[in-house]
Amino acid sequence: MKLFSCSLLLVSVVAIQAVAFPAPSPQSAKTSGQSANLAGRWRVKFTLGGLEKNLVLVTASRGKASFLLLDTGPDDKPAAAPAAAAWSQLTNDRVSFSGEAELPLGTCCREIGTMIFKGKFISSNSISGTLIFVTSIDEEESPYRFRSLVGTFTANRVPK
């Protein structure tokens, strides 16, 4: 049930981003003077709850992407397979990408939730911004039945 709730949340986030923040067409990107492009492979270093972790983001066409979590598995091992993700390139060199992940929280627990990255190009090969990790909770800790953690991230383009 928890996995279903998280999956539903991920689908909702992707649908909202697709409607509210459609990826610009190549023509609109050229006319807006946007020099940076999210297309490609990125090494993302993020800090969440005092822990620093890493992933590889690979963007594909039409807002599709994947995350490969490098050190979030048990014993800091990589995830077995990439997870589906979504991305959009916004105006003013801003970008957004999100996907579902299972992350360690503290020293004893793991949570499945949605990672939402919102950032801005620092250069054509570097992005910096904020990360929000949203999980659903079974206990009545929150009136909204969600828990969120906020962190930061940096991403650097990886040559092919």
N, C-alpha and C. Protein backbone atom coordinates (compact mmCIF):
# COMPACT_ATOMS: atom_id res chain seq x y z
N MET A 1 0.83 -1.19 0.00
CA MET A 1 0.00 0.00 0.00
C MET A 1 0.87 1.25 0.00
N LYS A 2 1.98 1.20 0.76
CA LYS A 2 2.88 2.34 0.84
C LYS A 2 3.52 2.60 -0.52
N LEU A 3 3.92 1.53 -1.21
CA LEU A 3 4.51 1.66 -2.53
C LEU A 3 3.50 2.23 -3.52
N PHE A 4 2.25 1.80 -3.41
CA PHE A 4 1.20 2.32 -4.27
C PHE A 4 1.00 3.82 -4.05
N SER A 5 1.00 4.25 -2.78
CA SER A 5 0.84 5.67 -2.46
C SER A 5 1.99 6.49 -3.03
N CYS A 6 3.21 5.99 -2.88
CA CYS A 6 4.37 6.70 -3.40
C CYS A 6 4.33 6.77 -4.92
N SER A 7 3.92 5.67 -5.55
CA SER A 7 3.82 5.66 -7.01
C SER A 7 2.77 6.65 -7.48
N LEU A 8 1.66 6.71 -6.78
CA LEU A 8 0.60 7.66 -7.11
C LEU A 8 1.10 9.09 -6.96
N LEU A 9 1.88 9.35 -5.91
CA LEU A 9 2.45 10.67 -5.70
C LEU A 9 3.40 11.03 -6.84
N LEU A 10 4.23 10.09 -7.27
CA LEU A 10 5.18 10.34 -8.36
C LEU A 10 4.43 10.66 -9.65
N VAL A 11 3.40 9.89 -9.94
CA VAL A 11 2.62 10.15 -11.16
C VAL A 11 1.98 11.53 -11.08
N SER A 12 1.50 11.92 -9.90
CA SER A 12 0.88 13.23 -9.73
C SER A 12 1.89 14.35 -9.96
N VAL A 13 3.10 14.19 -9.40
CA VAL A 13 4.15 15.21 -9.58
C VAL A 13 4.51 15.35 -11.04
N VAL A 14 4.68 14.23 -11.72
CA VAL A 14 5.03 14.26 -13.14
C VAL A 14 3.93 14.91 -13.96
N ALA A 15 2.68 14.57 -13.65
CA ALA A 15 1.56 15.16 -14.39
C ALA A 15 1.48 16.67 -14.16
N ILE A 16 1.68 17.10 -12.93
CA ILE A 16 1.64 18.53 -12.63
C ILE A 16 2.76 19.25 -13.36
N GLN A 17 3.96 18.67 -13.34
CA GLN A 17 5.08 19.31 -14.03
C GLN A 17 4.85 19.37 -15.53
N ALA A 18 4.25 18.33 -16.10
CA ALA A 18 4.00 18.32 -17.54
C ALA A 18 3.01 19.40 -17.94
N VAL A 19 2.02 19.66 -17.08
CA VAL A 19 1.02 20.67 -17.39
C VAL A 19 1.53 22.07 -17.06
N ALA A 20 2.10 22.23 -15.86
CA ALA A 20 2.51 23.55 -15.41
C ALA A 20 3.83 24.00 -16.01
N PHE A 21 4.74 23.06 -16.30
CA PHE A 21 6.06 23.42 -16.78
C PHE A 21 6.43 22.60 -18.00
N PRO A 22 5.76 22.80 -19.12
CA PRO A 22 6.10 22.01 -20.30
C PRO A 22 7.52 22.34 -20.76
N ALA A 23 8.21 21.34 -21.28
CA ALA A 23 9.56 21.56 -21.80
C ALA A 23 9.47 22.47 -23.02
N PRO A 24 10.35 23.49 -23.06
CA PRO A 24 10.28 24.39 -24.20
C PRO A 24 10.72 23.71 -25.47
N SER A 25 10.16 24.15 -26.59
CA SER A 25 10.58 23.62 -27.87
C SER A 25 11.95 24.17 -28.20
N PRO A 26 12.71 23.52 -29.08
CA PRO A 26 14.03 24.05 -29.44
C PRO A 26 13.95 25.48 -29.98
N GLN A 27 12.88 25.82 -30.70
CA GLN A 27 12.76 27.17 -31.23
C GLN A 27 12.59 28.19 -30.12
N SER A 28 11.75 27.87 -29.09
CA SER A 28 11.55 28.83 -28.01
C SER A 28 12.80 28.97 -27.17
N ALA A 29 13.60 27.90 -27.02
CA ALA A 29 14.84 28.01 -26.27
C ALA A 29 15.81 28.93 -27.00
N LYS A 30 15.85 28.87 -28.32
CA LYS A 30 16.75 29.73 -29.08
C LYS A 30 16.32 31.18 -28.98
N THR A 31 15.02 31.43 -29.01
CA THR A 31 14.56 32.81 -28.98
C THR A 31 14.66 33.42 -27.60
N SER A 32 14.63 32.60 -26.55
CA SER A 32 14.71 33.17 -25.21
C SER A 32 16.15 33.43 -24.79
N GLY A 33 17.12 33.04 -25.61
CA GLY A 33 18.52 33.27 -25.28
C GLY A 33 19.07 32.25 -24.30
N GLN A 34 18.40 31.16 -24.12
CA GLN A 34 18.83 30.15 -23.17
C GLN A 34 20.04 29.42 -23.72
N SER A 35 21.17 29.48 -22.99
CA SER A 35 22.40 28.90 -23.50
C SER A 35 22.63 27.49 -22.97
N ALA A 36 22.14 27.18 -21.79
CA ALA A 36 22.38 25.88 -21.18
C ALA A 36 21.30 24.89 -21.59
N ASN A 37 21.67 23.60 -21.59
CA ASN A 37 20.75 22.55 -22.00
C ASN A 37 20.91 21.37 -21.05
N LEU A 38 19.81 20.82 -20.57
CA LEU A 38 19.85 19.71 -19.61
C LEU A 38 20.13 18.37 -20.27
N ALA A 39 20.04 18.28 -21.58
CA ALA A 39 20.23 17.01 -22.28
C ALA A 39 21.60 16.42 -21.94
N GLY A 40 21.61 15.11 -21.65
CA GLY A 40 22.88 14.43 -21.40
C GLY A 40 22.91 13.65 -20.10
N ARG A 41 24.11 13.47 -19.61
CA ARG A 41 24.37 12.67 -18.40
C ARG A 41 24.97 13.58 -17.34
N TRP A 42 24.43 13.50 -16.11
CA TRP A 42 24.83 14.38 -15.02
C TRP A 42 25.18 13.58 -13.77
N ARG A 43 26.24 13.97 -13.09
CA ARG A 43 26.60 13.41 -11.77
C ARG A 43 26.02 14.38 -10.74
N VAL A 44 25.09 13.90 -9.93
CA VAL A 44 24.39 14.73 -8.96
C VAL A 44 24.83 14.34 -7.56
N LYS A 45 25.31 15.31 -6.80
CA LYS A 45 25.69 15.12 -5.41
C LYS A 45 24.67 15.87 -4.57
N PHE A 46 24.00 15.16 -3.65
CA PHE A 46 22.97 15.81 -2.85
C PHE A 46 23.16 15.54 -1.37
N THR A 47 22.72 16.49 -0.56
CA THR A 47 22.77 16.38 0.90
C THR A 47 21.34 16.44 1.40
N LEU A 48 20.98 15.42 2.19
CA LEU A 48 19.62 15.32 2.71
C LEU A 48 19.69 14.71 4.09
N GLY A 49 19.16 15.39 5.08
CA GLY A 49 19.17 14.88 6.44
C GLY A 49 20.58 14.67 6.98
N GLY A 50 21.53 15.49 6.55
CA GLY A 50 22.89 15.39 7.03
C GLY A 50 23.75 14.36 6.30
N LEU A 51 23.15 13.59 5.40
CA LEU A 51 23.88 12.59 4.63
C LEU A 51 24.15 13.10 3.23
N GLU A 52 25.38 12.88 2.73
CA GLU A 52 25.71 13.23 1.36
C GLU A 52 25.65 11.97 0.51
N LYS A 53 24.89 12.02 -0.58
CA LYS A 53 24.71 10.88 -1.47
C LYS A 53 24.90 11.31 -2.90
N ASN A 54 24.95 10.33 -3.82
CA ASN A 54 25.22 10.59 -5.23
C ASN A 54 24.28 9.80 -6.12
N LEU A 55 24.02 10.36 -7.30
CA LEU A 55 23.26 9.65 -8.32
C LEU A 55 23.71 10.14 -9.69
N VAL A 56 23.38 9.37 -10.69
CA VAL A 56 23.62 9.77 -12.07
C VAL A 56 22.25 9.99 -12.71
N LEU A 57 22.05 11.17 -13.27
CA LEU A 57 20.83 11.52 -14.00
C LEU A 57 21.14 11.44 -15.48
N VAL A 58 20.34 10.67 -16.21
CA VAL A 58 20.48 10.60 -17.66
C VAL A 58 19.17 11.09 -18.26
N THR A 59 19.24 12.19 -19.00
CA THR A 59 18.03 12.75 -19.59
C THR A 59 17.87 12.24 -21.02
N ALA A 60 16.64 12.02 -21.38
CA ALA A 60 16.28 11.59 -22.73
C ALA A 60 15.31 12.63 -23.29
N SER A 61 14.81 12.39 -24.48
CA SER A 61 13.92 13.37 -25.11
C SER A 61 12.56 13.41 -24.43
N ARG A 62 11.87 14.51 -24.64
CA ARG A 62 10.48 14.71 -24.20
C ARG A 62 10.27 14.54 -22.70
N GLY A 63 11.23 14.98 -21.90
CA GLY A 63 11.05 14.98 -20.46
C GLY A 63 11.29 13.66 -19.76
N LYS A 64 11.73 12.65 -20.48
CA LYS A 64 12.01 11.35 -19.86
C LYS A 64 13.46 11.32 -19.37
N ALA A 65 13.67 10.61 -18.28
CA ALA A 65 15.02 10.51 -17.70
C ALA A 65 15.10 9.27 -16.83
N SER A 66 16.28 9.06 -16.26
CA SER A 66 16.45 7.98 -15.29
C SER A 66 17.47 8.42 -14.24
N PHE A 67 17.29 7.88 -13.02
CA PHE A 67 18.23 8.07 -11.92
C PHE A 67 18.93 6.75 -11.68
N LEU A 68 20.22 6.76 -11.49
CA LEU A 68 20.94 5.60 -10.98
C LEU A 68 21.53 6.03 -9.66
N LEU A 69 20.95 5.56 -8.57
CA LEU A 69 21.42 5.90 -7.23
C LEU A 69 22.71 5.14 -6.96
N LEU A 70 23.80 5.86 -6.66
CA LEU A 70 25.12 5.25 -6.57
C LEU A 70 25.47 4.71 -5.20
N ASP A 71 24.94 5.31 -4.15
CA ASP A 71 25.36 4.91 -2.80
C ASP A 71 24.22 5.00 -1.79
N THR A 72 23.04 4.64 -2.21
CA THR A 72 21.88 4.72 -1.31
C THR A 72 21.34 3.36 -0.91
N GLY A 73 21.89 2.31 -1.47
CA GLY A 73 21.45 0.96 -1.12
C GLY A 73 21.99 0.55 0.23
N PRO A 74 21.58 -0.62 0.71
CA PRO A 74 22.14 -1.13 1.96
C PRO A 74 23.66 -1.21 1.86
N ASP A 75 24.34 -0.84 2.92
CA ASP A 75 25.81 -0.81 2.97
C ASP A 75 26.39 0.15 1.93
N ASP A 76 25.66 1.20 1.60
CA ASP A 76 26.09 2.22 0.64
C ASP A 76 26.42 1.67 -0.74
N LYS A 77 25.74 0.63 -1.14
CA LYS A 77 25.92 0.03 -2.47
C LYS A 77 25.03 0.76 -3.47
N PRO A 78 25.35 0.66 -4.77
CA PRO A 78 24.49 1.26 -5.79
C PRO A 78 23.15 0.54 -5.88
N ALA A 79 22.17 1.26 -6.38
CA ALA A 79 20.86 0.64 -6.64
C ALA A 79 21.03 -0.40 -7.75
N ALA A 80 20.17 -1.40 -7.76
CA ALA A 80 20.29 -2.49 -8.73
C ALA A 80 20.04 -2.03 -10.16
N ALA A 81 19.12 -1.09 -10.33
CA ALA A 81 18.77 -0.63 -11.68
C ALA A 81 18.36 0.84 -11.62
N PRO A 82 18.48 1.53 -12.75
CA PRO A 82 18.02 2.93 -12.78
C PRO A 82 16.52 3.03 -12.55
N ALA A 83 16.10 4.12 -11.93
CA ALA A 83 14.68 4.38 -11.70
C ALA A 83 14.20 5.42 -12.71
N ALA A 84 12.95 5.30 -13.12
CA ALA A 84 12.37 6.26 -14.05
C ALA A 84 12.29 7.63 -13.41
N ALA A 85 12.49 8.66 -14.21
CA ALA A 85 12.43 10.03 -13.73
C ALA A 85 11.83 10.90 -14.84
N ALA A 86 11.57 12.14 -14.48
CA ALA A 86 11.05 13.12 -15.44
C ALA A 86 11.81 14.42 -15.26
N TRP A 87 11.93 15.19 -16.34
CA TRP A 87 12.63 16.47 -16.26
C TRP A 87 11.93 17.51 -17.10
N SER A 88 12.19 18.78 -16.78
CA SER A 88 11.73 19.88 -17.61
C SER A 88 12.73 21.02 -17.48
N GLN A 89 12.91 21.72 -18.56
CA GLN A 89 13.77 22.89 -18.57
C GLN A 89 12.87 24.10 -18.60
N LEU A 90 13.01 24.95 -17.60
CA LEU A 90 12.12 26.09 -17.43
C LEU A 90 12.78 27.34 -17.99
N THR A 91 12.20 28.48 -17.73
CA THR A 91 12.78 29.74 -18.20
C THR A 91 13.89 30.19 -17.26
N ASN A 92 14.65 31.17 -17.69
CA ASN A 92 15.72 31.77 -16.89
C ASN A 92 16.74 30.75 -16.40
N ASP A 93 17.08 29.78 -17.25
CA ASP A 93 18.09 28.76 -16.94
C ASP A 93 17.74 27.90 -15.73
N ARG A 94 16.46 27.74 -15.43
CA ARG A 94 16.03 26.89 -14.33
C ARG A 94 15.64 25.52 -14.87
N VAL A 95 15.86 24.49 -14.04
CA VAL A 95 15.52 23.13 -14.41
C VAL A 95 14.83 22.43 -13.25
N SER A 96 14.12 21.37 -13.58
CA SER A 96 13.44 20.57 -12.58
C SER A 96 13.52 19.12 -13.02
N PHE A 97 13.83 18.22 -12.09
CA PHE A 97 13.77 16.80 -12.39
C PHE A 97 13.35 16.06 -11.13
N SER A 98 12.65 14.95 -11.32
CA SER A 98 12.12 14.22 -10.17
C SER A 98 11.99 12.74 -10.50
N GLY A 99 11.97 11.94 -9.44
CA GLY A 99 11.82 10.50 -9.59
C GLY A 99 11.66 9.85 -8.22
N GLU A 100 11.26 8.61 -8.25
CA GLU A 100 11.05 7.85 -7.02
C GLU A 100 12.36 7.20 -6.59
N ALA A 101 12.58 7.13 -5.28
CA ALA A 101 13.81 6.54 -4.76
C ALA A 101 13.57 5.97 -3.37
N GLU A 102 14.39 5.02 -3.02
CA GLU A 102 14.43 4.50 -1.64
C GLU A 102 15.73 5.00 -1.04
N LEU A 103 15.61 5.78 0.04
CA LEU A 103 16.78 6.40 0.64
C LEU A 103 16.92 6.02 2.11
N PRO A 104 18.16 5.94 2.60
CA PRO A 104 18.35 5.73 4.03
C PRO A 104 18.05 7.03 4.77
N LEU A 105 17.33 6.93 5.87
CA LEU A 105 17.07 8.08 6.72
C LEU A 105 17.62 7.77 8.10
N GLY A 106 18.63 8.49 8.51
CA GLY A 106 19.27 8.21 9.79
C GLY A 106 20.08 6.93 9.71
N THR A 107 20.22 6.24 10.83
CA THR A 107 21.05 5.03 10.89
C THR A 107 20.26 3.74 10.87
N CYS A 108 18.92 3.84 10.94
CA CYS A 108 18.16 2.59 11.07
C CYS A 108 17.10 2.36 10.00
N CYS A 109 16.71 3.39 9.32
CA CYS A 109 15.50 3.26 8.51
C CYS A 109 15.74 3.62 7.04
N ARG A 110 14.84 3.13 6.21
CA ARG A 110 14.83 3.47 4.78
C ARG A 110 13.42 3.91 4.43
N GLU A 111 13.31 4.88 3.53
CA GLU A 111 12.01 5.39 3.11
C GLU A 111 11.93 5.41 1.60
N ILE A 112 10.77 5.10 1.07
CA ILE A 112 10.50 5.24 -0.35
C ILE A 112 9.72 6.53 -0.53
N GLY A 113 10.16 7.33 -1.48
CA GLY A 113 9.48 8.60 -1.70
C GLY A 113 9.86 9.19 -3.04
N THR A 114 9.48 10.42 -3.23
CA THR A 114 9.75 11.13 -4.47
C THR A 114 10.78 12.21 -4.22
N MET A 115 11.84 12.19 -5.03
CA MET A 115 12.88 13.22 -4.97
C MET A 115 12.54 14.27 -6.02
N ILE A 116 12.44 15.53 -5.61
CA ILE A 116 12.13 16.62 -6.52
C ILE A 116 13.29 17.61 -6.46
N PHE A 117 13.98 17.78 -7.57
CA PHE A 117 15.12 18.68 -7.67
C PHE A 117 14.69 19.93 -8.43
N LYS A 118 14.95 21.10 -7.87
CA LYS A 118 14.68 22.38 -8.52
C LYS A 118 15.97 23.18 -8.46
N GLY A 119 16.51 23.52 -9.64
CA GLY A 119 17.79 24.21 -9.65
C GLY A 119 17.94 25.19 -10.78
N LYS A 120 19.14 25.75 -10.85
CA LYS A 120 19.46 26.75 -11.86
C LYS A 120 20.87 26.47 -12.38
N PHE A 121 21.05 26.68 -13.68
CA PHE A 121 22.37 26.51 -14.26
C PHE A 121 23.32 27.56 -13.69
N ILE A 122 24.46 27.11 -13.21
CA ILE A 122 25.54 28.00 -12.77
C ILE A 122 26.43 28.28 -13.98
N SER A 123 26.62 27.25 -14.79
CA SER A 123 27.30 27.34 -16.08
C SER A 123 26.62 26.32 -16.99
N SER A 124 27.07 26.18 -18.22
CA SER A 124 26.42 25.22 -19.11
C SER A 124 26.64 23.78 -18.66
N ASN A 125 27.60 23.54 -17.76
CA ASN A 125 27.91 22.19 -17.29
C ASN A 125 27.72 22.01 -15.79
N SER A 126 27.04 22.94 -15.14
CA SER A 126 26.88 22.86 -13.69
C SER A 126 25.53 23.43 -13.26
N ILE A 127 24.86 22.72 -12.35
CA ILE A 127 23.55 23.12 -11.83
C ILE A 127 23.63 23.08 -10.31
N SER A 128 22.95 23.98 -9.65
CA SER A 128 22.88 24.00 -8.19
C SER A 128 21.45 24.32 -7.78
N GLY A 129 21.00 23.72 -6.67
CA GLY A 129 19.63 24.01 -6.26
C GLY A 129 19.19 23.29 -5.01
N THR A 130 17.89 23.13 -4.89
CA THR A 130 17.24 22.56 -3.72
C THR A 130 16.58 21.23 -4.07
N LEU A 131 16.63 20.32 -3.12
CA LEU A 131 16.01 19.00 -3.25
C LEU A 131 14.95 18.86 -2.17
N ILE A 132 13.80 18.32 -2.57
CA ILE A 132 12.74 17.99 -1.61
C ILE A 132 12.47 16.50 -1.75
N PHE A 133 12.50 15.78 -0.64
CA PHE A 133 12.19 14.34 -0.62
C PHE A 133 10.88 14.19 0.13
N VAL A 134 9.84 13.71 -0.56
CA VAL A 134 8.50 13.60 0.00
C VAL A 134 8.14 12.13 0.15
N THR A 135 7.72 11.75 1.36
CA THR A 135 7.29 10.38 1.61
C THR A 135 5.89 10.41 2.22
N SER A 136 5.16 9.33 2.02
CA SER A 136 3.88 9.21 2.70
C SER A 136 4.13 8.47 4.01
N ILE A 137 3.32 8.76 5.01
CA ILE A 137 3.49 8.14 6.31
C ILE A 137 2.19 7.48 6.74
N ASP A 138 2.31 6.38 7.47
CA ASP A 138 1.13 5.67 7.94
C ASP A 138 0.61 6.25 9.26
N GLU A 139 1.51 6.73 10.09
CA GLU A 139 1.09 7.29 11.36
C GLU A 139 0.43 8.64 11.13
N GLU A 140 -0.24 9.11 12.13
CA GLU A 140 -0.90 10.40 12.00
C GLU A 140 0.00 11.51 12.50
N GLU A 141 1.28 11.48 12.06
CA GLU A 141 2.24 12.51 12.43
C GLU A 141 1.93 13.83 11.75
N SER A 142 1.31 13.76 10.60
CA SER A 142 1.02 14.95 9.82
C SER A 142 -0.44 14.94 9.39
N PRO A 143 -1.08 16.08 9.43
CA PRO A 143 -2.47 16.11 8.96
C PRO A 143 -2.59 15.80 7.47
N TYR A 144 -1.50 15.98 6.72
CA TYR A 144 -1.52 15.73 5.28
C TYR A 144 -1.05 14.34 4.93
N ARG A 145 -0.53 13.60 5.92
CA ARG A 145 -0.03 12.23 5.77
C ARG A 145 1.17 12.16 4.83
N PHE A 146 1.96 13.25 4.79
CA PHE A 146 3.21 13.29 4.06
C PHE A 146 4.29 13.82 4.97
N ARG A 147 5.50 13.37 4.74
CA ARG A 147 6.67 13.89 5.44
C ARG A 147 7.62 14.38 4.36
N SER A 148 8.24 15.51 4.59
CA SER A 148 9.19 16.01 3.60
C SER A 148 10.49 16.41 4.27
N LEU A 149 11.57 16.19 3.55
CA LEU A 149 12.90 16.63 3.96
C LEU A 149 13.43 17.53 2.86
N VAL A 150 14.12 18.59 3.24
CA VAL A 150 14.67 19.52 2.27
C VAL A 150 16.19 19.48 2.35
N GLY A 151 16.82 19.46 1.19
CA GLY A 151 18.27 19.44 1.12
C GLY A 151 18.76 20.28 -0.05
N THR A 152 20.02 20.11 -0.38
CA THR A 152 20.63 20.85 -1.49
C THR A 152 21.29 19.87 -2.44
N PHE A 153 21.59 20.34 -3.66
CA PHE A 153 22.29 19.49 -4.61
C PHE A 153 23.14 20.32 -5.55
N THR A 154 24.13 19.68 -6.11
CA THR A 154 24.90 20.20 -7.22
C THR A 154 24.98 19.11 -8.27
N ALA A 155 24.98 19.49 -9.53
CA ALA A 155 25.07 18.53 -10.62
C ALA A 155 26.11 19.02 -11.61
N ASN A 156 26.93 18.09 -12.08
CA ASN A 156 27.95 18.40 -13.07
C ASN A 156 27.78 17.45 -14.25
N ARG A 157 27.89 18.03 -15.44
CA ARG A 157 27.76 17.23 -16.67
C ARG A 157 28.91 16.22 -16.74
N VAL A 158 28.57 15.00 -17.13
CA VAL A 158 29.55 13.92 -17.29
C VAL A 158 29.77 13.73 -18.78
N PRO A 159 31.04 13.77 -19.23
CA PRO A 159 31.29 13.52 -20.65
C PRO A 159 30.88 12.10 -21.02
N LYS A 160 30.44 11.93 -22.27
CA LYS A 160 29.98 10.61 -22.72
C LYS A 160 31.10 9.69 -22.96
